[in-house]
Structure formats: C-alpha cells, structure tokens
C-alpha cells in the first residue's frame, strides 16, 4: 500500500461521510460527463455539490443530458477512470500550493540579497513542482476529491440557464445537473 492509499484509508471516516460522499460522487460524474463532451469538441468546466453539478460553457442541452446518461451508465459498468480529469481544480490547487511552499521556503531567510542568490535553485524546484504536481493531483482526485463508485445515483434533471457576468455584461451558459441517491 502506497502512502496516498494509506492516507486515504485513515481519512475514510471523513471521505465516506454521506454528505461528502455525495459531493465526491457528483464530482466524479461531472468529470465523466466532461470527458464525453470534450470528445465531441465541447469545452466546459464544472462545479459539484451534494445535489449535482453545474457545467459552464456552450453546449446543446440534449448533448449534455445524453452525456450525463452515458457517463452514469459507463461508470456504473466499471469505467472508473472517467472520474479523474487532468483539468480538475484539484490539480491546479496542488500545483499552486506546492509552488507557494517552495517559494516561501526558498525565499525565507536572512536578507533580501541572500534570498535572491537562491533564485536559480528555487526556479529548478518550481519546475520540479510543476512536473510532480500533476500525478499528485490525479492521485488526490482518485483518493479524496472524486468517487468513481456512484452507488445508486440517478439523474433527476438537466436544465439550461443563461447568466450575465457582473461588471462585464458577458452572457454565460450553464447547465444545472441534479442527481439523487436512491
């Protein structure tokens, strides 16, 4: 058992809490839906909650609903990898957190001049962070932020909404996907 699996085992009382599990399942279904829509050349992002998820981006509602149904079927049939997505916010947060820690530690110390003398070393460490953070973020998704076993989840509805972004006035299309655990 690798360290991430061991940590996930210790965290199970939290990650298996009913509320958190619903969010993680919806997050996995959101990723699976986005994978399917990406293959049809739709570029979307999403945000999950305990009651479903929202997809941001332009796509026909029929295509979104069809993709959610396909994602549910495929995940319930065992396609667990669909729950993990390379553009997930988990990966971005992992990279940002590690880069911040490296910068903080690298520039900490006595005097501004000494800190800047370490700049080349800090740059190499930052490049290592960027390379290592993707596999780490994917592992964090697999063990903590998504759940590929959807249990008895079912689709309730898919609705399209148009919102105006404050200050810019730009129109934004979103699809609200509502799920439930039976």
N, C-alpha and C. Protein backbone atom coordinates (compact mmCIF):
# COMPACT_ATOMS: atom_id res chain seq x y z
N UNK A 1 0.84 -1.18 0.00
CA UNK A 1 0.00 0.00 0.00
C UNK A 1 0.89 1.24 0.00
N UNK A 2 0.67 2.13 -0.99
CA UNK A 2 1.49 3.34 -1.07
C UNK A 2 1.01 4.38 -0.04
N UNK A 3 1.82 5.41 0.21
CA UNK A 3 1.46 6.40 1.24
C UNK A 3 0.11 7.09 0.99
N UNK A 4 -0.23 7.37 -0.27
CA UNK A 4 -1.50 8.03 -0.57
C UNK A 4 -2.67 7.11 -0.22
N UNK A 5 -2.54 5.82 -0.54
CA UNK A 5 -3.59 4.86 -0.19
C UNK A 5 -3.73 4.74 1.32
N UNK A 6 -2.62 4.76 2.01
CA UNK A 6 -2.64 4.67 3.48
C UNK A 6 -3.34 5.90 4.07
N UNK A 7 -3.00 7.08 3.54
CA UNK A 7 -3.63 8.31 4.00
C UNK A 7 -5.14 8.29 3.71
N UNK A 8 -5.50 7.79 2.53
CA UNK A 8 -6.92 7.69 2.17
C UNK A 8 -7.65 6.74 3.12
N UNK A 9 -6.99 5.68 3.52
CA UNK A 9 -7.60 4.73 4.46
C UNK A 9 -7.86 5.40 5.81
N UNK A 10 -6.90 6.18 6.29
CA UNK A 10 -7.09 6.91 7.55
C UNK A 10 -8.21 7.95 7.44
N UNK A 11 -8.34 8.55 6.26
CA UNK A 11 -9.34 9.61 6.05
C UNK A 11 -10.73 9.07 5.74
N UNK A 12 -10.87 7.75 5.61
CA UNK A 12 -12.15 7.16 5.21
C UNK A 12 -13.35 7.59 6.05
N UNK A 13 -13.24 7.73 7.38
CA UNK A 13 -14.42 8.19 8.12
C UNK A 13 -14.93 9.55 7.63
N UNK A 14 -14.04 10.39 7.12
CA UNK A 14 -14.45 11.69 6.59
C UNK A 14 -14.92 11.55 5.15
N UNK A 15 -14.14 10.87 4.31
CA UNK A 15 -14.48 10.78 2.88
C UNK A 15 -15.72 9.93 2.62
N UNK A 16 -16.10 9.09 3.58
CA UNK A 16 -17.30 8.25 3.44
C UNK A 16 -18.52 8.83 4.16
N UNK A 17 -18.35 10.01 4.77
CA UNK A 17 -19.50 10.67 5.38
C UNK A 17 -20.53 10.90 4.27
N UNK A 18 -21.82 10.64 4.51
CA UNK A 18 -22.82 10.71 3.44
C UNK A 18 -22.81 12.01 2.63
N UNK A 19 -22.70 13.15 3.28
CA UNK A 19 -22.68 14.43 2.56
C UNK A 19 -21.46 14.52 1.65
N UNK A 20 -20.29 14.22 2.20
CA UNK A 20 -19.04 14.31 1.44
C UNK A 20 -19.03 13.29 0.31
N UNK A 21 -19.53 12.09 0.58
CA UNK A 21 -19.58 11.05 -0.45
C UNK A 21 -20.47 11.49 -1.62
N UNK A 22 -21.60 12.15 -1.34
CA UNK A 22 -22.47 12.63 -2.42
C UNK A 22 -21.73 13.67 -3.28
N UNK A 23 -20.99 14.58 -2.62
CA UNK A 23 -20.23 15.59 -3.38
C UNK A 23 -19.16 14.89 -4.23
N UNK A 24 -18.45 13.94 -3.64
CA UNK A 24 -17.39 13.23 -4.37
C UNK A 24 -17.96 12.44 -5.55
N UNK A 25 -19.12 11.82 -5.37
CA UNK A 25 -19.75 11.07 -6.48
C UNK A 25 -20.16 12.02 -7.59
N UNK A 26 -20.77 13.15 -7.23
CA UNK A 26 -21.16 14.12 -8.25
C UNK A 26 -19.94 14.70 -8.95
N UNK A 27 -18.85 14.88 -8.22
CA UNK A 27 -17.60 15.37 -8.82
C UNK A 27 -17.09 14.35 -9.84
N UNK A 28 -17.14 13.07 -9.50
CA UNK A 28 -16.73 12.03 -10.44
C UNK A 28 -17.62 12.00 -11.68
N UNK A 29 -18.94 12.12 -11.48
CA UNK A 29 -19.87 12.13 -12.60
C UNK A 29 -19.67 13.39 -13.46
N UNK A 30 -19.39 14.51 -12.81
CA UNK A 30 -19.10 15.74 -13.54
C UNK A 30 -17.90 15.52 -14.47
N UNK A 31 -16.82 14.95 -13.94
CA UNK A 31 -15.63 14.68 -14.76
C UNK A 31 -15.95 13.74 -15.91
N UNK A 32 -16.69 12.68 -15.64
CA UNK A 32 -17.03 11.71 -16.69
C UNK A 32 -17.84 12.39 -17.79
N UNK A 33 -18.79 13.24 -17.40
CA UNK A 33 -19.61 13.97 -18.37
C UNK A 33 -18.73 14.89 -19.21
N UNK A 34 -17.80 15.59 -18.57
CA UNK A 34 -16.91 16.49 -19.30
C UNK A 34 -16.00 15.71 -20.25
N UNK A 35 -15.52 14.54 -19.83
CA UNK A 35 -14.72 13.69 -20.73
C UNK A 35 -15.51 13.40 -22.01
N UNK A 36 -16.76 13.00 -21.85
CA UNK A 36 -17.60 12.64 -23.00
C UNK A 36 -17.85 13.85 -23.88
N UNK A 37 -18.17 14.99 -23.27
CA UNK A 37 -18.43 16.20 -24.05
C UNK A 37 -17.16 16.75 -24.70
N UNK A 38 -16.01 16.59 -24.04
CA UNK A 38 -14.74 17.02 -24.65
C UNK A 38 -14.48 16.26 -25.94
N UNK A 39 -14.82 14.98 -25.98
CA UNK A 39 -14.61 14.17 -27.20
C UNK A 39 -15.49 14.65 -28.34
N UNK A 40 -16.56 15.39 -28.00
CA UNK A 40 -17.46 15.96 -29.02
C UNK A 40 -17.09 17.43 -29.29
N UNK A 41 -15.90 17.83 -28.82
CA UNK A 41 -15.33 19.16 -29.02
C UNK A 41 -16.04 20.28 -28.27
N UNK A 42 -16.71 19.95 -27.18
CA UNK A 42 -17.27 20.98 -26.31
C UNK A 42 -16.27 21.22 -25.18
N UNK A 43 -16.00 22.47 -24.89
CA UNK A 43 -15.07 22.84 -23.82
C UNK A 43 -15.87 23.39 -22.65
N UNK A 44 -15.88 22.64 -21.57
CA UNK A 44 -16.69 23.00 -20.41
C UNK A 44 -15.88 22.90 -19.13
N UNK A 45 -16.35 23.59 -18.13
CA UNK A 45 -15.81 23.43 -16.78
C UNK A 45 -17.00 23.18 -15.86
N UNK A 46 -16.72 22.76 -14.65
CA UNK A 46 -17.83 22.43 -13.77
C UNK A 46 -17.54 22.69 -12.31
N UNK A 47 -18.60 22.54 -11.53
CA UNK A 47 -18.53 22.68 -10.08
C UNK A 47 -19.57 21.75 -9.49
N UNK A 48 -19.14 20.93 -8.55
CA UNK A 48 -20.03 19.92 -7.97
C UNK A 48 -20.51 20.31 -6.58
N UNK A 49 -21.65 19.74 -6.21
CA UNK A 49 -22.21 19.91 -4.87
C UNK A 49 -22.87 18.59 -4.49
N UNK A 50 -23.51 18.57 -3.32
CA UNK A 50 -24.15 17.32 -2.88
C UNK A 50 -25.38 16.97 -3.72
N UNK A 51 -25.97 17.96 -4.39
CA UNK A 51 -27.18 17.70 -5.16
C UNK A 51 -26.97 17.57 -6.65
N UNK A 52 -25.72 17.63 -7.11
CA UNK A 52 -25.45 17.52 -8.54
C UNK A 52 -24.24 18.33 -8.92
N UNK A 53 -24.30 18.95 -10.10
CA UNK A 53 -23.19 19.79 -10.55
C UNK A 53 -23.66 20.76 -11.60
N UNK A 54 -22.85 21.78 -11.82
CA UNK A 54 -23.11 22.79 -12.84
C UNK A 54 -22.00 22.70 -13.87
N UNK A 55 -22.37 22.73 -15.13
CA UNK A 55 -21.40 22.79 -16.22
C UNK A 55 -21.46 24.18 -16.83
N UNK A 56 -20.31 24.81 -16.98
CA UNK A 56 -20.22 26.14 -17.58
C UNK A 56 -19.64 26.00 -18.98
N UNK A 57 -20.31 26.60 -19.94
CA UNK A 57 -19.84 26.56 -21.32
C UNK A 57 -20.99 26.25 -22.26
N UNK A 58 -20.75 26.53 -23.52
CA UNK A 58 -21.79 26.38 -24.53
C UNK A 58 -21.85 24.95 -25.05
N UNK A 59 -23.03 24.34 -24.92
CA UNK A 59 -23.30 23.01 -25.47
C UNK A 59 -24.81 22.85 -25.51
N UNK A 60 -25.32 22.12 -26.50
CA UNK A 60 -26.77 21.89 -26.54
C UNK A 60 -27.21 21.07 -25.32
N UNK A 61 -28.33 21.42 -24.75
CA UNK A 61 -28.84 20.75 -23.56
C UNK A 61 -29.05 19.25 -23.81
N UNK A 62 -29.50 18.90 -25.01
CA UNK A 62 -29.71 17.48 -25.33
C UNK A 62 -28.39 16.71 -25.28
N UNK A 63 -27.30 17.36 -25.75
CA UNK A 63 -25.98 16.72 -25.72
C UNK A 63 -25.51 16.55 -24.28
N UNK A 64 -25.75 17.56 -23.44
CA UNK A 64 -25.34 17.48 -22.04
C UNK A 64 -26.10 16.35 -21.35
N UNK A 65 -27.41 16.32 -21.55
CA UNK A 65 -28.21 15.26 -20.90
C UNK A 65 -27.78 13.87 -21.39
N UNK A 66 -27.55 13.73 -22.67
CA UNK A 66 -27.10 12.46 -23.23
C UNK A 66 -25.74 12.06 -22.64
N UNK A 67 -24.84 13.04 -22.48
CA UNK A 67 -23.51 12.76 -21.92
C UNK A 67 -23.60 12.35 -20.45
N UNK A 68 -24.49 12.98 -19.69
CA UNK A 68 -24.66 12.61 -18.28
C UNK A 68 -25.17 11.17 -18.19
N UNK A 69 -26.15 10.82 -19.01
CA UNK A 69 -26.71 9.46 -19.00
C UNK A 69 -25.64 8.45 -19.39
N UNK A 70 -24.87 8.77 -20.45
CA UNK A 70 -23.78 7.87 -20.87
C UNK A 70 -22.73 7.73 -19.77
N UNK A 71 -22.38 8.85 -19.15
CA UNK A 71 -21.38 8.82 -18.07
C UNK A 71 -21.86 7.95 -16.91
N UNK A 72 -23.12 8.11 -16.52
CA UNK A 72 -23.69 7.28 -15.44
C UNK A 72 -23.59 5.80 -15.79
N UNK A 73 -24.01 5.46 -17.00
CA UNK A 73 -24.00 4.06 -17.43
C UNK A 73 -22.58 3.50 -17.47
N UNK A 74 -21.67 4.24 -18.05
CA UNK A 74 -20.29 3.76 -18.18
C UNK A 74 -19.60 3.61 -16.83
N UNK A 75 -19.84 4.58 -15.93
CA UNK A 75 -19.21 4.48 -14.60
C UNK A 75 -19.80 3.32 -13.81
N UNK A 76 -21.12 3.13 -13.92
CA UNK A 76 -21.74 2.02 -13.20
C UNK A 76 -21.31 0.67 -13.79
N UNK A 77 -20.87 0.69 -15.06
CA UNK A 77 -20.36 -0.52 -15.71
C UNK A 77 -18.89 -0.75 -15.38
N UNK A 78 -18.28 0.16 -14.61
CA UNK A 78 -16.91 -0.07 -14.16
C UNK A 78 -15.83 0.82 -14.75
N UNK A 79 -16.19 1.81 -15.57
CA UNK A 79 -15.18 2.69 -16.15
C UNK A 79 -14.79 3.77 -15.14
N UNK A 80 -14.02 3.36 -14.15
CA UNK A 80 -13.67 4.23 -13.02
C UNK A 80 -12.75 5.38 -13.40
N UNK A 81 -11.96 5.21 -14.44
CA UNK A 81 -11.02 6.27 -14.85
C UNK A 81 -11.72 7.54 -15.33
N UNK A 82 -12.98 7.42 -15.70
CA UNK A 82 -13.72 8.60 -16.14
C UNK A 82 -13.88 9.64 -15.03
N UNK A 83 -13.75 9.22 -13.77
CA UNK A 83 -13.93 10.14 -12.63
C UNK A 83 -12.74 11.08 -12.45
N UNK A 84 -11.64 10.81 -13.13
CA UNK A 84 -10.42 11.61 -12.97
C UNK A 84 -10.23 12.45 -14.23
N UNK A 85 -9.98 13.76 -14.04
CA UNK A 85 -9.80 14.65 -15.20
C UNK A 85 -8.55 15.51 -15.02
N UNK A 86 -7.72 15.62 -16.05
CA UNK A 86 -6.46 16.38 -15.92
C UNK A 86 -6.66 17.87 -15.68
N UNK A 87 -7.81 18.44 -16.04
CA UNK A 87 -8.04 19.87 -15.84
C UNK A 87 -8.83 20.18 -14.58
N UNK A 88 -8.87 19.25 -13.67
CA UNK A 88 -9.60 19.44 -12.42
C UNK A 88 -8.94 20.51 -11.55
N UNK A 89 -9.75 21.23 -10.82
CA UNK A 89 -9.23 22.23 -9.89
C UNK A 89 -8.32 21.63 -8.84
N UNK A 90 -8.51 20.35 -8.53
CA UNK A 90 -7.62 19.68 -7.57
C UNK A 90 -6.18 19.75 -8.05
N UNK A 91 -5.97 19.56 -9.34
CA UNK A 91 -4.61 19.63 -9.89
C UNK A 91 -4.06 21.05 -9.81
N UNK A 92 -4.90 22.03 -10.10
CA UNK A 92 -4.47 23.43 -10.03
C UNK A 92 -4.12 23.83 -8.59
N UNK A 93 -4.96 23.42 -7.65
CA UNK A 93 -4.70 23.74 -6.24
C UNK A 93 -3.42 23.06 -5.77
N UNK A 94 -3.21 21.82 -6.19
CA UNK A 94 -2.00 21.08 -5.80
C UNK A 94 -0.76 21.82 -6.30
N UNK A 95 -0.78 22.22 -7.56
CA UNK A 95 0.36 22.95 -8.13
C UNK A 95 0.57 24.27 -7.41
N UNK A 96 -0.50 25.02 -7.21
CA UNK A 96 -0.39 26.31 -6.53
C UNK A 96 0.12 26.19 -5.11
N UNK A 97 -0.38 25.21 -4.38
CA UNK A 97 0.04 25.01 -3.00
C UNK A 97 1.52 24.65 -2.93
N UNK A 98 1.93 23.67 -3.73
CA UNK A 98 3.33 23.24 -3.69
C UNK A 98 4.28 24.35 -4.15
N UNK A 99 3.89 25.10 -5.19
CA UNK A 99 4.73 26.20 -5.67
C UNK A 99 4.86 27.29 -4.60
N UNK A 100 3.78 27.55 -3.91
CA UNK A 100 3.82 28.56 -2.83
C UNK A 100 4.73 28.11 -1.70
N UNK A 101 4.66 26.85 -1.32
CA UNK A 101 5.52 26.33 -0.25
C UNK A 101 6.98 26.41 -0.67
N UNK A 102 7.28 26.00 -1.90
CA UNK A 102 8.67 26.06 -2.38
C UNK A 102 9.17 27.51 -2.40
N UNK A 103 8.35 28.43 -2.88
CA UNK A 103 8.76 29.84 -2.92
C UNK A 103 8.96 30.39 -1.51
N UNK A 104 8.03 30.08 -0.63
CA UNK A 104 8.13 30.57 0.75
C UNK A 104 9.41 30.07 1.41
N UNK A 105 9.64 28.76 1.30
CA UNK A 105 10.84 28.19 1.92
C UNK A 105 12.12 28.67 1.23
N UNK A 106 12.05 28.80 -0.08
CA UNK A 106 13.23 29.21 -0.84
C UNK A 106 13.66 30.64 -0.56
N UNK A 107 12.67 31.51 -0.39
CA UNK A 107 13.00 32.92 -0.17
C UNK A 107 13.07 33.29 1.31
N UNK A 108 12.74 32.37 2.18
CA UNK A 108 12.83 32.66 3.62
C UNK A 108 14.30 32.72 4.02
N UNK A 109 14.58 33.47 5.01
CA UNK A 109 15.96 33.52 5.49
C UNK A 109 16.41 34.94 5.76
N UNK A 110 17.70 35.05 5.89
CA UNK A 110 18.29 36.35 6.26
C UNK A 110 18.61 37.19 5.04
N UNK A 111 17.97 38.32 4.95
CA UNK A 111 18.35 39.31 3.95
C UNK A 111 17.83 39.04 2.56
N UNK A 112 17.47 40.11 1.90
CA UNK A 112 16.95 40.04 0.54
C UNK A 112 18.00 39.53 -0.44
N UNK A 113 19.23 39.97 -0.29
CA UNK A 113 20.30 39.57 -1.21
C UNK A 113 20.51 38.05 -1.15
N UNK A 114 20.58 37.48 0.05
CA UNK A 114 20.77 36.03 0.21
C UNK A 114 19.61 35.26 -0.43
N UNK A 115 18.41 35.79 -0.24
CA UNK A 115 17.23 35.14 -0.82
C UNK A 115 17.34 35.09 -2.34
N UNK A 116 17.70 36.21 -2.95
CA UNK A 116 17.79 36.26 -4.41
C UNK A 116 18.96 35.45 -4.96
N UNK A 117 19.96 35.19 -4.16
CA UNK A 117 21.06 34.32 -4.59
C UNK A 117 20.57 32.89 -4.78
N UNK A 118 19.50 32.54 -4.09
CA UNK A 118 18.93 31.19 -4.22
C UNK A 118 17.92 31.09 -5.37
N UNK A 119 17.72 32.16 -6.09
CA UNK A 119 16.71 32.19 -7.15
C UNK A 119 16.84 31.04 -8.16
N UNK A 120 18.05 30.75 -8.70
CA UNK A 120 18.16 29.63 -9.66
C UNK A 120 17.72 28.29 -9.05
N UNK A 121 18.08 28.06 -7.79
CA UNK A 121 17.68 26.82 -7.12
C UNK A 121 16.17 26.76 -6.94
N UNK A 122 15.60 27.90 -6.59
CA UNK A 122 14.14 27.96 -6.41
C UNK A 122 13.44 27.69 -7.73
N UNK A 123 13.97 28.24 -8.83
CA UNK A 123 13.38 28.00 -10.15
C UNK A 123 13.39 26.52 -10.51
N UNK A 124 14.49 25.83 -10.26
CA UNK A 124 14.57 24.39 -10.53
C UNK A 124 13.55 23.65 -9.67
N UNK A 125 13.45 24.04 -8.40
CA UNK A 125 12.48 23.40 -7.50
C UNK A 125 11.05 23.64 -7.99
N UNK A 126 10.78 24.84 -8.50
CA UNK A 126 9.44 25.15 -9.04
C UNK A 126 9.14 24.30 -10.27
N UNK A 127 10.12 24.10 -11.12
CA UNK A 127 9.90 23.24 -12.30
C UNK A 127 9.61 21.81 -11.86
N UNK A 128 10.30 21.34 -10.84
CA UNK A 128 10.03 20.01 -10.30
C UNK A 128 8.61 19.93 -9.75
N UNK A 129 8.18 20.99 -9.08
CA UNK A 129 6.81 21.05 -8.55
C UNK A 129 5.80 20.91 -9.69
N UNK A 130 6.02 21.65 -10.77
CA UNK A 130 5.09 21.60 -11.90
C UNK A 130 5.03 20.18 -12.48
N UNK A 131 6.17 19.53 -12.59
CA UNK A 131 6.20 18.17 -13.13
C UNK A 131 5.55 17.15 -12.19
N UNK A 132 5.78 17.29 -10.90
CA UNK A 132 5.27 16.31 -9.93
C UNK A 132 3.84 16.58 -9.49
N UNK A 133 3.38 17.81 -9.63
CA UNK A 133 2.05 18.13 -9.11
C UNK A 133 0.92 17.48 -9.91
N UNK A 134 1.09 17.25 -11.19
CA UNK A 134 0.02 16.62 -11.99
C UNK A 134 -0.26 15.20 -11.50
N UNK A 135 0.75 14.32 -11.41
CA UNK A 135 0.44 12.98 -10.90
C UNK A 135 -0.06 13.01 -9.46
N UNK A 136 0.45 13.93 -8.66
CA UNK A 136 -0.03 14.04 -7.28
C UNK A 136 -1.49 14.50 -7.26
N UNK A 137 -1.82 15.49 -8.07
CA UNK A 137 -3.20 15.97 -8.15
C UNK A 137 -4.15 14.88 -8.63
N UNK A 138 -3.72 14.09 -9.61
CA UNK A 138 -4.55 12.99 -10.10
C UNK A 138 -4.78 11.96 -8.99
N UNK A 139 -3.76 11.70 -8.21
CA UNK A 139 -3.89 10.76 -7.09
C UNK A 139 -4.81 11.33 -6.01
N UNK A 140 -4.71 12.62 -5.74
CA UNK A 140 -5.61 13.25 -4.78
C UNK A 140 -7.06 13.15 -5.26
N UNK A 141 -7.28 13.33 -6.56
CA UNK A 141 -8.63 13.16 -7.10
C UNK A 141 -9.12 11.74 -6.85
N UNK A 142 -8.28 10.77 -7.23
CA UNK A 142 -8.66 9.36 -7.13
C UNK A 142 -9.04 8.97 -5.70
N UNK A 143 -8.31 9.48 -4.72
CA UNK A 143 -8.49 9.03 -3.34
C UNK A 143 -9.33 9.95 -2.47
N UNK A 144 -9.45 11.24 -2.86
CA UNK A 144 -10.09 12.20 -1.94
C UNK A 144 -11.21 13.03 -2.55
N UNK A 145 -11.01 13.62 -3.72
CA UNK A 145 -11.98 14.61 -4.18
C UNK A 145 -13.04 14.07 -5.13
N UNK A 146 -12.84 12.87 -5.68
CA UNK A 146 -13.88 12.25 -6.51
C UNK A 146 -14.14 10.83 -6.01
N UNK A 147 -15.28 10.30 -6.43
CA UNK A 147 -15.62 8.90 -6.14
C UNK A 147 -16.13 8.29 -7.43
N UNK A 148 -15.54 7.18 -7.83
CA UNK A 148 -15.94 6.55 -9.09
C UNK A 148 -17.07 5.54 -8.91
N UNK A 149 -17.33 5.09 -7.69
CA UNK A 149 -18.46 4.20 -7.41
C UNK A 149 -19.67 5.07 -7.13
N UNK A 150 -20.57 5.17 -8.09
CA UNK A 150 -21.71 6.06 -7.97
C UNK A 150 -22.86 5.48 -7.16
N UNK A 151 -22.72 4.24 -6.74
CA UNK A 151 -23.77 3.63 -5.93
C UNK A 151 -25.08 3.62 -6.70
N UNK A 152 -26.14 4.04 -6.04
CA UNK A 152 -27.47 4.04 -6.66
C UNK A 152 -27.86 5.42 -7.20
N UNK A 153 -26.87 6.24 -7.54
CA UNK A 153 -27.14 7.58 -8.05
C UNK A 153 -27.96 7.51 -9.32
N UNK A 154 -28.86 8.48 -9.46
CA UNK A 154 -29.62 8.60 -10.70
C UNK A 154 -29.77 10.07 -11.07
N UNK A 155 -29.99 10.29 -12.36
CA UNK A 155 -30.19 11.64 -12.88
C UNK A 155 -31.62 12.07 -12.62
N UNK A 156 -31.80 13.28 -12.12
CA UNK A 156 -33.12 13.85 -11.90
C UNK A 156 -33.47 14.80 -13.04
N UNK A 157 -32.56 15.75 -13.33
CA UNK A 157 -32.86 16.72 -14.39
C UNK A 157 -31.59 17.41 -14.88
N UNK A 158 -31.72 17.97 -16.09
CA UNK A 158 -30.68 18.82 -16.67
C UNK A 158 -31.40 20.06 -17.19
N UNK A 159 -31.03 21.22 -16.67
CA UNK A 159 -31.66 22.46 -17.13
C UNK A 159 -30.59 23.45 -17.57
N UNK A 160 -30.95 24.23 -18.57
CA UNK A 160 -30.05 25.24 -19.14
C UNK A 160 -30.43 26.61 -18.58
N UNK A 161 -29.42 27.40 -18.27
CA UNK A 161 -29.63 28.76 -17.79
C UNK A 161 -28.64 29.69 -18.47
N UNK A 162 -29.05 30.93 -18.62
CA UNK A 162 -28.15 31.98 -19.13
C UNK A 162 -27.99 32.98 -18.00
N UNK A 163 -26.76 33.34 -17.70
CA UNK A 163 -26.46 34.30 -16.65
C UNK A 163 -25.62 35.42 -17.24
N UNK A 164 -25.77 36.60 -16.67
CA UNK A 164 -24.95 37.73 -17.05
C UNK A 164 -23.86 37.91 -16.00
N UNK A 165 -22.63 37.96 -16.46
CA UNK A 165 -21.49 38.13 -15.56
C UNK A 165 -21.47 39.58 -15.07
N UNK A 166 -21.43 39.78 -13.75
CA UNK A 166 -21.40 41.15 -13.23
C UNK A 166 -20.20 41.94 -13.78
N UNK A 167 -20.39 43.20 -13.97
CA UNK A 167 -19.39 44.18 -14.42
C UNK A 167 -19.06 44.06 -15.91
N UNK A 168 -18.92 42.83 -16.44
CA UNK A 168 -18.56 42.70 -17.86
C UNK A 168 -19.79 42.67 -18.75
N UNK A 169 -20.91 42.21 -18.20
CA UNK A 169 -22.12 42.09 -19.01
C UNK A 169 -22.11 40.90 -19.94
N UNK A 170 -21.05 40.11 -19.90
CA UNK A 170 -20.92 38.94 -20.77
C UNK A 170 -21.96 37.88 -20.39
N UNK A 171 -22.56 37.24 -21.40
CA UNK A 171 -23.53 36.17 -21.19
C UNK A 171 -22.80 34.85 -20.99
N UNK A 172 -23.27 34.07 -20.03
CA UNK A 172 -22.65 32.79 -19.70
C UNK A 172 -23.74 31.71 -19.71
N UNK A 173 -23.45 30.60 -20.39
CA UNK A 173 -24.39 29.48 -20.41
C UNK A 173 -23.95 28.46 -19.38
N UNK A 174 -24.93 27.99 -18.60
CA UNK A 174 -24.63 26.92 -17.67
C UNK A 174 -25.74 25.89 -17.70
N UNK A 175 -25.36 24.67 -17.40
CA UNK A 175 -26.33 23.57 -17.28
C UNK A 175 -26.28 23.08 -15.85
N UNK A 176 -27.44 23.06 -15.22
CA UNK A 176 -27.56 22.56 -13.85
C UNK A 176 -28.01 21.10 -13.93
N UNK A 177 -27.16 20.21 -13.43
CA UNK A 177 -27.46 18.78 -13.43
C UNK A 177 -27.81 18.38 -11.99
N UNK A 178 -29.01 17.87 -11.81
CA UNK A 178 -29.49 17.47 -10.49
C UNK A 178 -29.50 15.94 -10.43
N UNK A 179 -28.89 15.40 -9.37
CA UNK A 179 -28.85 13.95 -9.17
C UNK A 179 -29.44 13.63 -7.81
N UNK A 180 -29.68 12.35 -7.59
CA UNK A 180 -30.09 11.92 -6.24
C UNK A 180 -29.60 10.51 -6.01
N UNK A 181 -29.40 10.23 -4.74
CA UNK A 181 -29.07 8.87 -4.29
C UNK A 181 -30.37 8.24 -3.82
N UNK A 182 -30.71 7.12 -4.37
CA UNK A 182 -31.99 6.48 -4.01
C UNK A 182 -31.85 5.66 -2.75
